N, C-alpha and C. Protein backbone atom coordinates (compact mmCIF):
# COMPACT_ATOMS: atom_id res chain seq x y z
N MET A 1 -26.15 11.38 -4.34
CA MET A 1 -25.10 10.52 -3.83
C MET A 1 -23.76 11.06 -4.32
N SER A 2 -22.80 11.12 -3.41
CA SER A 2 -21.48 11.61 -3.80
C SER A 2 -20.45 10.50 -3.61
N ALA A 3 -19.43 10.56 -4.41
CA ALA A 3 -18.37 9.55 -4.36
C ALA A 3 -17.29 10.01 -3.39
N VAL A 4 -16.73 9.05 -2.69
CA VAL A 4 -15.59 9.29 -1.81
C VAL A 4 -14.42 8.53 -2.40
N VAL A 5 -13.32 9.24 -2.61
CA VAL A 5 -12.10 8.62 -3.12
C VAL A 5 -11.09 8.59 -1.97
N GLY A 6 -10.59 7.41 -1.68
CA GLY A 6 -9.57 7.27 -0.64
C GLY A 6 -8.25 6.86 -1.27
N VAL A 7 -7.18 7.52 -0.82
CA VAL A 7 -5.84 7.21 -1.33
C VAL A 7 -4.90 7.07 -0.14
N ALA A 8 -4.11 6.01 -0.16
CA ALA A 8 -3.09 5.80 0.87
C ALA A 8 -1.75 5.62 0.19
N ARG A 9 -0.70 6.13 0.84
CA ARG A 9 0.65 6.02 0.29
C ARG A 9 1.58 5.57 1.40
N TRP A 10 2.44 4.62 1.07
CA TRP A 10 3.44 4.13 2.02
C TRP A 10 4.81 4.17 1.37
N VAL A 11 5.80 4.63 2.12
CA VAL A 11 7.19 4.45 1.74
C VAL A 11 7.71 3.37 2.67
N LEU A 12 8.26 2.32 2.08
CA LEU A 12 8.68 1.15 2.85
C LEU A 12 10.18 0.93 2.77
N HIS A 13 10.74 0.45 3.87
CA HIS A 13 12.12 -0.02 3.88
C HIS A 13 12.05 -1.54 3.88
N LEU A 14 12.78 -2.17 2.98
CA LEU A 14 12.77 -3.62 2.80
C LEU A 14 14.16 -4.16 3.15
N PRO A 15 14.46 -4.33 4.45
CA PRO A 15 15.82 -4.67 4.86
C PRO A 15 16.31 -6.02 4.37
N GLY A 16 15.42 -6.94 4.08
CA GLY A 16 15.84 -8.27 3.64
C GLY A 16 16.14 -8.38 2.16
N CYS A 17 15.86 -7.34 1.41
CA CYS A 17 16.06 -7.39 -0.04
C CYS A 17 17.49 -7.00 -0.40
N ARG A 18 18.14 -7.87 -1.16
CA ARG A 18 19.52 -7.63 -1.58
C ARG A 18 19.63 -7.43 -3.09
N SER A 19 18.47 -7.38 -3.77
CA SER A 19 18.45 -7.18 -5.22
C SER A 19 17.08 -6.66 -5.63
N LEU A 20 16.99 -6.16 -6.85
CA LEU A 20 15.70 -5.72 -7.37
C LEU A 20 14.74 -6.89 -7.53
N LYS A 21 15.29 -8.06 -7.83
CA LYS A 21 14.45 -9.26 -7.97
C LYS A 21 13.80 -9.61 -6.63
N ALA A 22 14.56 -9.55 -5.55
CA ALA A 22 14.02 -9.84 -4.21
C ALA A 22 12.98 -8.79 -3.83
N LYS A 23 13.26 -7.53 -4.15
CA LYS A 23 12.32 -6.46 -3.87
C LYS A 23 11.01 -6.68 -4.63
N ARG A 24 11.13 -7.02 -5.89
CA ARG A 24 9.95 -7.24 -6.74
C ARG A 24 9.06 -8.33 -6.14
N LYS A 25 9.67 -9.38 -5.61
CA LYS A 25 8.91 -10.48 -5.00
C LYS A 25 8.09 -9.98 -3.80
N VAL A 26 8.72 -9.18 -2.94
CA VAL A 26 8.02 -8.65 -1.77
C VAL A 26 6.92 -7.68 -2.20
N VAL A 27 7.23 -6.77 -3.10
CA VAL A 27 6.26 -5.76 -3.54
C VAL A 27 5.07 -6.42 -4.23
N HIS A 28 5.32 -7.38 -5.09
CA HIS A 28 4.21 -8.06 -5.79
C HIS A 28 3.34 -8.82 -4.80
N SER A 29 3.95 -9.45 -3.82
CA SER A 29 3.19 -10.18 -2.81
C SER A 29 2.29 -9.23 -2.01
N LEU A 30 2.86 -8.14 -1.53
CA LEU A 30 2.07 -7.14 -0.80
C LEU A 30 0.94 -6.59 -1.66
N ARG A 31 1.27 -6.20 -2.88
CA ARG A 31 0.29 -5.62 -3.81
C ARG A 31 -0.85 -6.60 -4.09
N ASP A 32 -0.51 -7.85 -4.38
CA ASP A 32 -1.54 -8.84 -4.70
C ASP A 32 -2.44 -9.14 -3.51
N ARG A 33 -1.85 -9.22 -2.30
CA ARG A 33 -2.67 -9.47 -1.11
C ARG A 33 -3.59 -8.29 -0.82
N MET A 34 -3.12 -7.07 -1.01
CA MET A 34 -3.96 -5.89 -0.79
C MET A 34 -5.13 -5.88 -1.77
N ARG A 35 -4.85 -6.21 -3.02
CA ARG A 35 -5.91 -6.24 -4.04
C ARG A 35 -6.95 -7.30 -3.71
N SER A 36 -6.50 -8.50 -3.37
CA SER A 36 -7.45 -9.59 -3.17
C SER A 36 -8.22 -9.46 -1.85
N ARG A 37 -7.59 -9.01 -0.79
CA ARG A 37 -8.26 -8.92 0.51
C ARG A 37 -9.15 -7.70 0.66
N PHE A 38 -8.76 -6.60 0.03
CA PHE A 38 -9.47 -5.34 0.27
C PHE A 38 -10.13 -4.75 -0.97
N GLY A 39 -9.90 -5.33 -2.14
CA GLY A 39 -10.54 -4.86 -3.37
C GLY A 39 -10.14 -3.45 -3.77
N VAL A 40 -8.89 -3.10 -3.54
CA VAL A 40 -8.40 -1.76 -3.88
C VAL A 40 -7.45 -1.84 -5.07
N SER A 41 -7.23 -0.72 -5.70
CA SER A 41 -6.21 -0.62 -6.74
C SER A 41 -4.89 -0.27 -6.07
N VAL A 42 -3.82 -0.96 -6.46
CA VAL A 42 -2.51 -0.75 -5.84
C VAL A 42 -1.46 -0.67 -6.93
N ALA A 43 -0.50 0.25 -6.73
CA ALA A 43 0.60 0.38 -7.68
C ALA A 43 1.87 0.78 -6.93
N GLU A 44 3.00 0.35 -7.47
CA GLU A 44 4.28 0.85 -7.00
C GLU A 44 4.51 2.15 -7.75
N THR A 45 4.56 3.26 -7.03
CA THR A 45 4.53 4.57 -7.68
C THR A 45 5.86 5.32 -7.71
N ASP A 46 6.86 4.82 -6.98
CA ASP A 46 8.16 5.49 -6.99
C ASP A 46 9.20 4.54 -6.42
N LEU A 47 10.45 4.92 -6.54
CA LEU A 47 11.60 4.18 -5.98
C LEU A 47 11.79 2.81 -6.63
N GLN A 48 11.38 2.66 -7.89
CA GLN A 48 11.47 1.37 -8.56
C GLN A 48 12.90 0.87 -8.71
N ASP A 49 13.88 1.75 -8.76
CA ASP A 49 15.27 1.33 -8.96
C ASP A 49 16.06 1.19 -7.67
N GLU A 50 15.41 1.38 -6.53
CA GLU A 50 16.08 1.22 -5.24
C GLU A 50 15.68 -0.12 -4.65
N TRP A 51 16.64 -0.98 -4.37
CA TRP A 51 16.32 -2.34 -3.99
C TRP A 51 15.91 -2.52 -2.53
N GLN A 52 16.08 -1.53 -1.66
CA GLN A 52 15.62 -1.68 -0.28
C GLN A 52 14.53 -0.68 0.09
N ARG A 53 14.00 0.03 -0.89
CA ARG A 53 12.92 0.97 -0.62
C ARG A 53 11.85 0.83 -1.70
N ALA A 54 10.61 1.08 -1.29
CA ALA A 54 9.49 1.03 -2.23
C ALA A 54 8.44 2.05 -1.81
N GLU A 55 7.74 2.58 -2.80
CA GLU A 55 6.58 3.42 -2.52
C GLU A 55 5.37 2.74 -3.15
N LEU A 56 4.37 2.45 -2.33
CA LEU A 56 3.13 1.86 -2.80
C LEU A 56 1.99 2.83 -2.54
N CYS A 57 1.06 2.90 -3.48
CA CYS A 57 -0.16 3.69 -3.31
C CYS A 57 -1.36 2.78 -3.56
N ALA A 58 -2.39 2.98 -2.75
CA ALA A 58 -3.64 2.24 -2.92
C ALA A 58 -4.77 3.26 -3.04
N ALA A 59 -5.77 2.93 -3.85
CA ALA A 59 -6.90 3.83 -4.04
C ALA A 59 -8.20 3.04 -4.08
N LEU A 60 -9.26 3.69 -3.62
CA LEU A 60 -10.59 3.08 -3.68
C LEU A 60 -11.63 4.17 -3.86
N VAL A 61 -12.77 3.78 -4.39
CA VAL A 61 -13.90 4.70 -4.57
C VAL A 61 -15.13 4.03 -3.98
N THR A 62 -15.88 4.78 -3.17
CA THR A 62 -17.09 4.26 -2.55
C THR A 62 -18.05 5.43 -2.31
N SER A 63 -19.26 5.13 -1.95
CA SER A 63 -20.21 6.20 -1.63
C SER A 63 -20.29 6.44 -0.13
N ASP A 64 -19.58 5.66 0.67
CA ASP A 64 -19.65 5.73 2.13
C ASP A 64 -18.29 6.13 2.71
N ARG A 65 -18.22 7.31 3.29
CA ARG A 65 -16.96 7.81 3.85
C ARG A 65 -16.43 6.90 4.97
N ARG A 66 -17.33 6.42 5.83
CA ARG A 66 -16.89 5.54 6.93
C ARG A 66 -16.31 4.24 6.40
N LEU A 67 -16.88 3.71 5.34
CA LEU A 67 -16.34 2.50 4.74
C LEU A 67 -14.94 2.75 4.18
N ALA A 68 -14.76 3.87 3.51
CA ALA A 68 -13.43 4.21 2.98
C ALA A 68 -12.41 4.33 4.10
N GLU A 69 -12.78 5.02 5.19
CA GLU A 69 -11.87 5.15 6.33
C GLU A 69 -11.53 3.80 6.93
N SER A 70 -12.52 2.94 7.05
CA SER A 70 -12.31 1.60 7.62
C SER A 70 -11.37 0.77 6.75
N ILE A 71 -11.60 0.76 5.46
CA ILE A 71 -10.75 -0.03 4.56
C ILE A 71 -9.32 0.50 4.57
N LEU A 72 -9.16 1.82 4.52
CA LEU A 72 -7.81 2.39 4.53
C LEU A 72 -7.09 2.10 5.85
N SER A 73 -7.82 2.10 6.94
CA SER A 73 -7.22 1.77 8.24
C SER A 73 -6.77 0.30 8.27
N LYS A 74 -7.61 -0.58 7.75
CA LYS A 74 -7.24 -2.01 7.69
C LYS A 74 -6.06 -2.23 6.76
N LEU A 75 -6.02 -1.50 5.66
CA LEU A 75 -4.87 -1.59 4.75
C LEU A 75 -3.59 -1.18 5.46
N ASP A 76 -3.66 -0.09 6.20
CA ASP A 76 -2.48 0.38 6.93
C ASP A 76 -2.01 -0.67 7.94
N ASP A 77 -2.95 -1.26 8.67
CA ASP A 77 -2.60 -2.32 9.62
C ASP A 77 -1.96 -3.50 8.91
N HIS A 78 -2.50 -3.84 7.75
CA HIS A 78 -1.98 -4.97 6.97
C HIS A 78 -0.54 -4.71 6.52
N VAL A 79 -0.28 -3.54 6.00
CA VAL A 79 1.07 -3.20 5.54
C VAL A 79 2.03 -3.16 6.73
N ALA A 80 1.60 -2.54 7.83
CA ALA A 80 2.47 -2.41 9.01
C ALA A 80 2.78 -3.76 9.65
N SER A 81 1.91 -4.74 9.46
CA SER A 81 2.12 -6.05 10.10
C SER A 81 3.00 -6.99 9.28
N ASP A 82 3.37 -6.60 8.07
CA ASP A 82 4.21 -7.47 7.24
C ASP A 82 5.66 -7.38 7.73
N PRO A 83 6.23 -8.50 8.16
CA PRO A 83 7.59 -8.46 8.72
C PRO A 83 8.68 -8.15 7.70
N ARG A 84 8.37 -8.25 6.42
CA ARG A 84 9.37 -7.99 5.38
C ARG A 84 9.54 -6.51 5.07
N ALA A 85 8.59 -5.69 5.53
CA ALA A 85 8.59 -4.27 5.19
C ALA A 85 8.38 -3.42 6.43
N HIS A 86 9.17 -2.36 6.55
CA HIS A 86 9.02 -1.41 7.64
C HIS A 86 8.49 -0.10 7.05
N VAL A 87 7.41 0.40 7.63
CA VAL A 87 6.82 1.64 7.13
C VAL A 87 7.68 2.82 7.58
N VAL A 88 8.20 3.56 6.62
CA VAL A 88 9.02 4.74 6.89
C VAL A 88 8.14 5.99 6.87
N GLU A 89 7.17 5.99 5.99
CA GLU A 89 6.30 7.15 5.80
C GLU A 89 4.93 6.64 5.38
N HIS A 90 3.88 7.30 5.86
CA HIS A 90 2.52 6.90 5.48
C HIS A 90 1.62 8.12 5.48
N GLU A 91 0.73 8.17 4.50
CA GLU A 91 -0.29 9.21 4.50
C GLU A 91 -1.57 8.67 3.87
N THR A 92 -2.69 9.18 4.36
CA THR A 92 -4.00 8.80 3.86
C THR A 92 -4.78 10.08 3.58
N VAL A 93 -5.46 10.10 2.43
CA VAL A 93 -6.25 11.27 2.05
C VAL A 93 -7.61 10.78 1.55
N LEU A 94 -8.66 11.48 1.97
CA LEU A 94 -10.00 11.22 1.45
C LEU A 94 -10.46 12.46 0.69
N TYR A 95 -11.02 12.24 -0.49
CA TYR A 95 -11.54 13.34 -1.31
C TYR A 95 -13.04 13.20 -1.45
């Protein structure tokens, strides 16, 4: 049995955020919903000091490649559907 590691990265534009506090609220909400709905690890990995931009990464480990692809696809749909954040850049990698 081999492990499949899936990683997704999003750079987001947060047009409604006018402060780091407002940004933190949006990022924490997105991060917490991704963790609870999809069981993935999520972190803000860059752009912490920019109040209208954020970089989030999510990772998962499974033994089924199709399951990893499915979860990452659903994660992408979830992030793209949030009206508070516009996806500027996205990439997904499976190892």
